[in-house]
Amino acid sequence: MTLGYASRTSILLLIVVLSLAAFAGSTKPPWADSQTVQPAALNKELADRKIAPTVLFVGFGRLYTAGHIKGAQFHGTAGSDDGLTQLHSWAESLPRDINLVVYCGCCPMERCPNIRPAFAMLRDMGFTKIRVLILPNDFSQDWADKGLAYEKGQ
């Protein structure tokens, strides 16, 4: 059975709402420690093309343009319904065992409006090798100021 556009859109909106609800009001992250990666470790992985993950920036577009991990992709701000919809559309066709690292870095992680809904949605979509980059303060302090590779612009 194939679903029509309206049915697919309704299902997608339901996933977005459930993903946002999953993190609302919770300070406990939805990921386990084993589903995290530290900046220095990710930087090493990115240097080895055989194991380099797909890196996904889930924060605000203006911050992506100002500076992001070299090679990171941006497919919407995960703290908004529209951004989660864009992210979901991008991720739909990916293999569920892709090595994927998500990050934001807009502010201290415990207050970040983007990282939790992005992780929850991708997890709920069935991704099995998803990790969160640990940036306790922000991208500038925890990545760029440490001399790790980043680029500006689109």
N, C-alpha and C. Protein backbone atom coordinates (compact mmCIF):
# COMPACT_ATOMS: atom_id res chain seq x y z
N MET A 1 0.84 -1.16 0.00
CA MET A 1 0.00 0.00 0.00
C MET A 1 0.89 1.24 0.00
N THR A 2 0.63 2.16 -0.89
CA THR A 2 1.37 3.41 -0.91
C THR A 2 0.51 4.51 -0.32
N LEU A 3 1.17 5.38 0.43
CA LEU A 3 0.46 6.47 1.07
C LEU A 3 0.47 7.70 0.17
N GLY A 4 -0.60 8.43 0.17
CA GLY A 4 -0.67 9.67 -0.57
C GLY A 4 0.09 10.76 0.15
N TYR A 5 0.25 11.89 -0.52
CA TYR A 5 0.99 13.02 0.04
C TYR A 5 0.42 13.46 1.38
N ALA A 6 -0.89 13.58 1.48
CA ALA A 6 -1.52 14.04 2.73
C ALA A 6 -1.23 13.07 3.87
N SER A 7 -1.29 11.77 3.61
CA SER A 7 -1.02 10.77 4.65
C SER A 7 0.43 10.83 5.09
N ARG A 8 1.36 10.93 4.13
CA ARG A 8 2.79 11.01 4.47
C ARG A 8 3.06 12.27 5.29
N THR A 9 2.43 13.39 4.90
CA THR A 9 2.61 14.64 5.62
C THR A 9 2.07 14.52 7.04
N SER A 10 0.92 13.90 7.21
CA SER A 10 0.34 13.72 8.55
C SER A 10 1.24 12.86 9.43
N ILE A 11 1.78 11.80 8.87
CA ILE A 11 2.68 10.92 9.62
C ILE A 11 3.93 11.68 10.01
N LEU A 12 4.49 12.45 9.08
CA LEU A 12 5.69 13.22 9.36
C LEU A 12 5.44 14.24 10.47
N LEU A 13 4.31 14.93 10.42
CA LEU A 13 3.99 15.90 11.46
C LEU A 13 3.83 15.23 12.82
N LEU A 14 3.26 14.04 12.85
CA LEU A 14 3.12 13.29 14.08
C LEU A 14 4.50 12.95 14.65
N ILE A 15 5.42 12.52 13.80
CA ILE A 15 6.79 12.21 14.24
C ILE A 15 7.45 13.45 14.81
N VAL A 16 7.29 14.59 14.15
CA VAL A 16 7.88 15.84 14.62
C VAL A 16 7.32 16.21 15.99
N VAL A 17 6.00 16.14 16.14
CA VAL A 17 5.37 16.49 17.42
C VAL A 17 5.83 15.55 18.52
N LEU A 18 5.88 14.26 18.25
CA LEU A 18 6.33 13.29 19.26
C LEU A 18 7.78 13.52 19.62
N SER A 19 8.63 13.86 18.64
CA SER A 19 10.04 14.13 18.92
C SER A 19 10.20 15.35 19.81
N LEU A 20 9.44 16.41 19.52
CA LEU A 20 9.50 17.60 20.36
C LEU A 20 8.97 17.31 21.76
N ALA A 21 7.90 16.54 21.85
CA ALA A 21 7.32 16.21 23.15
C ALA A 21 8.26 15.34 23.98
N ALA A 22 9.05 14.53 23.32
CA ALA A 22 9.95 13.61 24.03
C ALA A 22 11.00 14.34 24.86
N PHE A 23 11.36 15.54 24.44
CA PHE A 23 12.39 16.24 25.18
C PHE A 23 11.85 17.41 25.99
N ALA A 24 10.64 17.81 25.77
CA ALA A 24 10.07 18.99 26.44
C ALA A 24 10.13 18.84 27.95
N GLY A 25 10.73 19.80 28.60
CA GLY A 25 10.77 19.83 30.05
C GLY A 25 11.78 18.89 30.67
N SER A 26 12.47 18.10 29.90
CA SER A 26 13.43 17.15 30.44
C SER A 26 14.84 17.69 30.36
N THR A 27 15.60 17.58 31.44
CA THR A 27 17.00 17.99 31.40
C THR A 27 17.90 16.78 31.18
N LYS A 28 17.37 15.60 31.36
CA LYS A 28 18.15 14.39 31.13
C LYS A 28 18.25 14.14 29.62
N PRO A 29 19.47 13.97 29.12
CA PRO A 29 19.60 13.74 27.68
C PRO A 29 19.02 12.39 27.26
N PRO A 30 18.50 12.31 26.04
CA PRO A 30 17.92 11.05 25.57
C PRO A 30 18.96 10.05 25.06
N TRP A 31 20.23 10.39 25.16
CA TRP A 31 21.29 9.51 24.69
C TRP A 31 22.07 8.94 25.88
N ALA A 32 22.68 7.79 25.63
CA ALA A 32 23.54 7.16 26.63
C ALA A 32 24.97 7.68 26.45
N ASP A 33 25.80 7.51 27.45
CA ASP A 33 27.20 7.94 27.33
C ASP A 33 27.89 7.29 26.13
N SER A 34 27.51 6.06 25.83
CA SER A 34 28.11 5.35 24.69
C SER A 34 27.69 5.95 23.35
N GLN A 35 26.70 6.85 23.37
CA GLN A 35 26.22 7.51 22.16
C GLN A 35 26.74 8.94 22.07
N THR A 36 27.90 9.19 22.68
CA THR A 36 28.51 10.51 22.63
C THR A 36 29.93 10.40 22.10
N VAL A 37 30.45 11.53 21.66
CA VAL A 37 31.84 11.60 21.22
C VAL A 37 32.39 12.96 21.64
N GLN A 38 33.62 12.96 22.10
CA GLN A 38 34.30 14.18 22.52
C GLN A 38 34.96 14.85 21.30
N PRO A 39 35.18 16.16 21.34
CA PRO A 39 35.75 16.87 20.20
C PRO A 39 37.07 16.28 19.67
N ALA A 40 38.02 16.00 20.52
CA ALA A 40 39.31 15.48 20.06
C ALA A 40 39.15 14.13 19.36
N ALA A 41 38.28 13.28 19.89
CA ALA A 41 38.05 11.97 19.27
C ALA A 41 37.38 12.12 17.91
N LEU A 42 36.39 13.00 17.80
CA LEU A 42 35.75 13.22 16.50
C LEU A 42 36.74 13.80 15.50
N ASN A 43 37.58 14.72 15.94
CA ASN A 43 38.57 15.30 15.06
C ASN A 43 39.49 14.22 14.48
N LYS A 44 39.87 13.25 15.30
CA LYS A 44 40.69 12.12 14.82
C LYS A 44 39.93 11.29 13.80
N GLU A 45 38.67 11.00 14.08
CA GLU A 45 37.85 10.22 13.15
C GLU A 45 37.73 10.92 11.80
N LEU A 46 37.54 12.24 11.84
CA LEU A 46 37.37 12.99 10.60
C LEU A 46 38.63 12.98 9.73
N ALA A 47 39.78 12.80 10.37
CA ALA A 47 41.05 12.75 9.63
C ALA A 47 41.23 11.42 8.90
N ASP A 48 40.50 10.39 9.29
CA ASP A 48 40.60 9.06 8.68
C ASP A 48 39.37 8.82 7.80
N ARG A 49 39.53 8.96 6.52
CA ARG A 49 38.40 8.85 5.59
C ARG A 49 37.69 7.48 5.67
N LYS A 50 38.39 6.44 6.14
CA LYS A 50 37.78 5.12 6.22
C LYS A 50 36.70 5.04 7.30
N ILE A 51 36.86 5.82 8.36
CA ILE A 51 35.91 5.75 9.47
C ILE A 51 35.16 7.05 9.71
N ALA A 52 35.45 8.08 8.92
CA ALA A 52 34.84 9.39 9.15
C ALA A 52 33.32 9.32 9.08
N PRO A 53 32.66 9.82 10.11
CA PRO A 53 31.19 9.81 10.12
C PRO A 53 30.62 10.95 9.28
N THR A 54 29.34 10.86 9.02
CA THR A 54 28.60 11.99 8.46
C THR A 54 28.29 12.89 9.64
N VAL A 55 28.67 14.16 9.54
CA VAL A 55 28.46 15.11 10.63
C VAL A 55 27.30 16.02 10.26
N LEU A 56 26.38 16.17 11.17
CA LEU A 56 25.16 16.92 10.93
C LEU A 56 25.02 18.04 11.96
N PHE A 57 25.01 19.28 11.47
CA PHE A 57 24.78 20.44 12.33
C PHE A 57 23.28 20.65 12.41
N VAL A 58 22.73 20.73 13.62
CA VAL A 58 21.28 20.83 13.80
C VAL A 58 20.86 22.14 14.45
N GLY A 59 21.77 23.11 14.50
CA GLY A 59 21.49 24.39 15.13
C GLY A 59 20.94 25.42 14.15
N PHE A 60 21.17 26.67 14.47
CA PHE A 60 20.62 27.78 13.70
C PHE A 60 21.47 28.05 12.45
N GLY A 61 20.80 28.34 11.34
CA GLY A 61 21.46 28.54 10.06
C GLY A 61 22.54 29.61 10.11
N ARG A 62 22.30 30.70 10.82
CA ARG A 62 23.29 31.77 10.88
C ARG A 62 24.56 31.31 11.60
N LEU A 63 24.43 30.41 12.56
CA LEU A 63 25.60 29.87 13.25
C LEU A 63 26.37 28.92 12.34
N TYR A 64 25.66 28.15 11.53
CA TYR A 64 26.31 27.27 10.55
C TYR A 64 27.16 28.10 9.60
N THR A 65 26.60 29.20 9.10
CA THR A 65 27.32 30.07 8.18
C THR A 65 28.52 30.72 8.85
N ALA A 66 28.39 31.07 10.12
CA ALA A 66 29.48 31.72 10.86
C ALA A 66 30.65 30.78 11.10
N GLY A 67 30.38 29.49 11.21
CA GLY A 67 31.45 28.51 11.41
C GLY A 67 30.90 27.17 11.83
N HIS A 68 31.34 26.12 11.13
CA HIS A 68 30.88 24.76 11.43
C HIS A 68 32.03 23.79 11.19
N ILE A 69 31.90 22.60 11.73
CA ILE A 69 32.91 21.56 11.54
C ILE A 69 33.07 21.34 10.04
N LYS A 70 34.30 21.27 9.61
CA LYS A 70 34.60 21.10 8.19
C LYS A 70 33.88 19.85 7.66
N GLY A 71 33.07 20.07 6.63
CA GLY A 71 32.32 18.98 6.01
C GLY A 71 30.96 18.70 6.61
N ALA A 72 30.61 19.39 7.71
CA ALA A 72 29.30 19.17 8.34
C ALA A 72 28.18 19.61 7.40
N GLN A 73 27.07 18.92 7.49
CA GLN A 73 25.90 19.25 6.69
C GLN A 73 24.86 19.94 7.56
N PHE A 74 24.04 20.78 6.91
CA PHE A 74 22.96 21.46 7.61
C PHE A 74 21.67 21.20 6.84
N HIS A 75 20.66 20.66 7.54
CA HIS A 75 19.37 20.35 6.93
C HIS A 75 18.21 20.82 7.79
N GLY A 76 18.38 21.97 8.44
CA GLY A 76 17.30 22.54 9.23
C GLY A 76 17.64 22.63 10.71
N THR A 77 17.04 23.62 11.36
CA THR A 77 17.20 23.84 12.79
C THR A 77 16.24 22.91 13.53
N ALA A 78 16.79 21.97 14.28
CA ALA A 78 15.98 20.92 14.89
C ALA A 78 15.07 21.38 16.02
N GLY A 79 15.22 22.59 16.48
CA GLY A 79 14.36 23.09 17.54
C GLY A 79 13.04 23.65 17.03
N SER A 80 12.81 23.57 15.72
CA SER A 80 11.55 24.06 15.16
C SER A 80 10.86 22.95 14.38
N ASP A 81 9.55 23.04 14.26
CA ASP A 81 8.80 22.04 13.49
C ASP A 81 9.30 21.98 12.05
N ASP A 82 9.50 23.15 11.44
CA ASP A 82 9.95 23.20 10.05
C ASP A 82 11.34 22.58 9.91
N GLY A 83 12.23 22.89 10.85
CA GLY A 83 13.57 22.33 10.80
C GLY A 83 13.58 20.82 10.98
N LEU A 84 12.76 20.30 11.90
CA LEU A 84 12.67 18.85 12.08
C LEU A 84 12.08 18.18 10.83
N THR A 85 11.16 18.85 10.19
CA THR A 85 10.58 18.32 8.96
C THR A 85 11.65 18.23 7.87
N GLN A 86 12.47 19.29 7.74
CA GLN A 86 13.56 19.29 6.77
C GLN A 86 14.56 18.17 7.08
N LEU A 87 14.91 18.06 8.34
CA LEU A 87 15.86 17.03 8.77
C LEU A 87 15.30 15.64 8.49
N HIS A 88 14.05 15.43 8.79
CA HIS A 88 13.41 14.13 8.55
C HIS A 88 13.42 13.80 7.06
N SER A 89 13.09 14.77 6.23
CA SER A 89 13.08 14.54 4.78
C SER A 89 14.46 14.15 4.28
N TRP A 90 15.51 14.82 4.78
CA TRP A 90 16.87 14.49 4.38
C TRP A 90 17.24 13.07 4.83
N ALA A 91 16.88 12.73 6.05
CA ALA A 91 17.31 11.46 6.64
C ALA A 91 16.51 10.25 6.13
N GLU A 92 15.34 10.49 5.58
CA GLU A 92 14.46 9.40 5.16
C GLU A 92 15.14 8.35 4.29
N SER A 93 15.95 8.79 3.35
CA SER A 93 16.54 7.86 2.39
C SER A 93 17.89 7.28 2.83
N LEU A 94 18.39 7.68 3.99
CA LEU A 94 19.69 7.20 4.45
C LEU A 94 19.59 5.79 5.03
N PRO A 95 20.66 5.00 4.87
CA PRO A 95 20.67 3.69 5.54
C PRO A 95 20.68 3.90 7.06
N ARG A 96 19.94 3.09 7.77
CA ARG A 96 19.78 3.28 9.21
C ARG A 96 21.03 2.94 10.01
N ASP A 97 22.03 2.34 9.36
CA ASP A 97 23.28 2.03 10.06
C ASP A 97 24.41 2.99 9.69
N ILE A 98 24.07 4.15 9.11
CA ILE A 98 25.08 5.14 8.77
C ILE A 98 25.73 5.66 10.05
N ASN A 99 27.02 5.90 10.00
CA ASN A 99 27.77 6.46 11.12
C ASN A 99 27.47 7.97 11.13
N LEU A 100 26.68 8.41 12.09
CA LEU A 100 26.16 9.77 12.10
C LEU A 100 26.47 10.46 13.42
N VAL A 101 27.02 11.68 13.34
CA VAL A 101 27.29 12.49 14.53
C VAL A 101 26.51 13.79 14.39
N VAL A 102 25.71 14.11 15.41
CA VAL A 102 24.94 15.36 15.40
C VAL A 102 25.52 16.31 16.45
N TYR A 103 25.44 17.60 16.11
CA TYR A 103 25.88 18.60 17.08
C TYR A 103 25.17 19.92 16.82
N CYS A 104 25.21 20.78 17.84
CA CYS A 104 24.66 22.13 17.70
C CYS A 104 25.73 23.13 18.11
N GLY A 105 25.94 23.29 19.41
CA GLY A 105 26.97 24.23 19.87
C GLY A 105 26.51 25.66 19.96
N CYS A 106 25.19 25.90 19.99
CA CYS A 106 24.68 27.27 20.07
C CYS A 106 24.84 27.85 21.47
N CYS A 107 24.82 26.97 22.46
CA CYS A 107 24.83 27.41 23.86
C CYS A 107 25.20 26.20 24.72
N PRO A 108 25.24 26.35 26.04
CA PRO A 108 25.51 25.16 26.87
C PRO A 108 24.51 24.04 26.56
N MET A 109 25.02 22.82 26.47
CA MET A 109 24.21 21.68 26.04
C MET A 109 22.93 21.48 26.84
N GLU A 110 22.98 21.74 28.14
CA GLU A 110 21.78 21.49 28.94
C GLU A 110 20.65 22.45 28.59
N ARG A 111 20.94 23.55 27.91
CA ARG A 111 19.90 24.51 27.50
C ARG A 111 19.63 24.48 26.00
N CYS A 112 20.34 23.68 25.26
CA CYS A 112 20.23 23.68 23.80
C CYS A 112 18.83 23.25 23.34
N PRO A 113 18.18 24.07 22.52
CA PRO A 113 16.84 23.72 22.04
C PRO A 113 16.84 22.80 20.82
N ASN A 114 18.03 22.45 20.32
CA ASN A 114 18.12 21.73 19.05
C ASN A 114 18.61 20.29 19.13
N ILE A 115 19.56 20.02 20.00
CA ILE A 115 20.23 18.72 19.99
C ILE A 115 19.31 17.58 20.43
N ARG A 116 18.50 17.78 21.45
CA ARG A 116 17.62 16.72 21.96
C ARG A 116 16.55 16.31 20.94
N PRO A 117 15.83 17.28 20.33
CA PRO A 117 14.82 16.84 19.36
C PRO A 117 15.44 16.19 18.13
N ALA A 118 16.63 16.64 17.71
CA ALA A 118 17.28 16.03 16.56
C ALA A 118 17.65 14.58 16.87
N PHE A 119 18.29 14.38 18.02
CA PHE A 119 18.69 13.03 18.40
C PHE A 119 17.46 12.13 18.54
N ALA A 120 16.44 12.60 19.24
CA ALA A 120 15.23 11.79 19.49
C ALA A 120 14.57 11.40 18.17
N MET A 121 14.46 12.34 17.25
CA MET A 121 13.81 12.02 15.99
C MET A 121 14.61 11.00 15.19
N LEU A 122 15.92 11.20 15.09
CA LEU A 122 16.75 10.27 14.32
C LEU A 122 16.75 8.88 14.97
N ARG A 123 16.81 8.85 16.29
CA ARG A 123 16.72 7.56 17.00
C ARG A 123 15.38 6.89 16.71
N ASP A 124 14.30 7.66 16.79
CA ASP A 124 12.97 7.11 16.55
C ASP A 124 12.77 6.68 15.09
N MET A 125 13.56 7.24 14.20
CA MET A 125 13.52 6.82 12.79
C MET A 125 14.26 5.50 12.57
N GLY A 126 14.98 5.05 13.60
CA GLY A 126 15.66 3.77 13.50
C GLY A 126 17.16 3.83 13.26
N PHE A 127 17.76 5.01 13.37
CA PHE A 127 19.21 5.09 13.18
C PHE A 127 19.90 4.42 14.36
N THR A 128 20.87 3.56 14.06
CA THR A 128 21.50 2.74 15.10
C THR A 128 22.92 3.18 15.45
N LYS A 129 23.54 4.01 14.62
CA LYS A 129 24.91 4.46 14.88
C LYS A 129 24.94 5.99 14.94
N ILE A 130 24.12 6.53 15.79
CA ILE A 130 24.04 7.98 15.95
C ILE A 130 24.70 8.38 17.26
N ARG A 131 25.53 9.41 17.19
CA ARG A 131 26.21 9.92 18.38
C ARG A 131 26.04 11.43 18.45
N VAL A 132 26.19 11.96 19.64
CA VAL A 132 26.11 13.39 19.89
C VAL A 132 27.50 13.89 20.23
N LEU A 133 27.91 14.96 19.57
CA LEU A 133 29.18 15.60 19.90
C LEU A 133 28.99 16.42 21.17
N ILE A 134 29.84 16.16 22.15
CA ILE A 134 29.74 16.85 23.43
C ILE A 134 30.46 18.19 23.36
N LEU A 135 29.67 19.25 23.34
CA LEU A 135 30.17 20.63 23.37
C LEU A 135 29.52 21.28 24.59
N PRO A 136 30.13 21.16 25.78
CA PRO A 136 29.48 21.61 27.00
C PRO A 136 29.11 23.09 27.02
N ASN A 137 29.96 23.94 26.44
CA ASN A 137 29.74 25.39 26.47
C ASN A 137 29.12 25.90 25.18
N ASP A 138 29.87 25.80 24.10
CA ASP A 138 29.40 26.19 22.78
C ASP A 138 30.46 25.79 21.75
N PHE A 139 30.13 25.94 20.48
CA PHE A 139 31.03 25.54 19.39
C PHE A 139 32.34 26.33 19.43
N SER A 140 32.24 27.60 19.70
CA SER A 140 33.43 28.45 19.70
C SER A 140 34.45 27.97 20.75
N GLN A 141 34.00 27.85 22.00
CA GLN A 141 34.91 27.46 23.09
C GLN A 141 35.39 26.02 22.99
N ASP A 142 34.47 25.12 22.64
CA ASP A 142 34.77 23.69 22.73
C ASP A 142 35.32 23.08 21.44
N TRP A 143 35.31 23.82 20.34
CA TRP A 143 35.84 23.31 19.07
C TRP A 143 36.79 24.32 18.43
N ALA A 144 36.26 25.44 18.00
CA ALA A 144 37.07 26.41 17.22
C ALA A 144 38.26 26.94 18.02
N ASP A 145 38.04 27.34 19.26
CA ASP A 145 39.14 27.90 20.07
C ASP A 145 40.20 26.87 20.42
N LYS A 146 39.91 25.61 20.24
CA LYS A 146 40.89 24.55 20.50
C LYS A 146 41.71 24.22 19.25
N GLY A 147 41.48 24.97 18.17
CA GLY A 147 42.26 24.78 16.95
C GLY A 147 41.78 23.62 16.08
N LEU A 148 40.58 23.11 16.33
CA LEU A 148 40.06 22.01 15.53
C LEU A 148 39.48 22.56 14.22
N ALA A 149 39.54 21.76 13.17
CA ALA A 149 39.18 22.23 11.82
C ALA A 149 37.72 22.64 11.71
N TYR A 150 37.53 23.85 11.18
CA TYR A 150 36.17 24.31 10.88
C TYR A 150 36.23 25.21 9.66
N GLU A 151 35.08 25.47 9.11
CA GLU A 151 34.97 26.33 7.93
C GLU A 151 33.79 27.25 8.09
N LYS A 152 33.78 28.30 7.29
CA LYS A 152 32.69 29.28 7.32
C LYS A 152 31.93 29.25 6.02
N GLY A 153 30.70 29.76 6.04
CA GLY A 153 29.89 29.85 4.84
C GLY A 153 29.06 28.62 4.62
N GLN A 154 28.38 28.59 3.50
CA GLN A 154 27.52 27.47 3.14
C GLN A 154 28.36 26.39 2.60
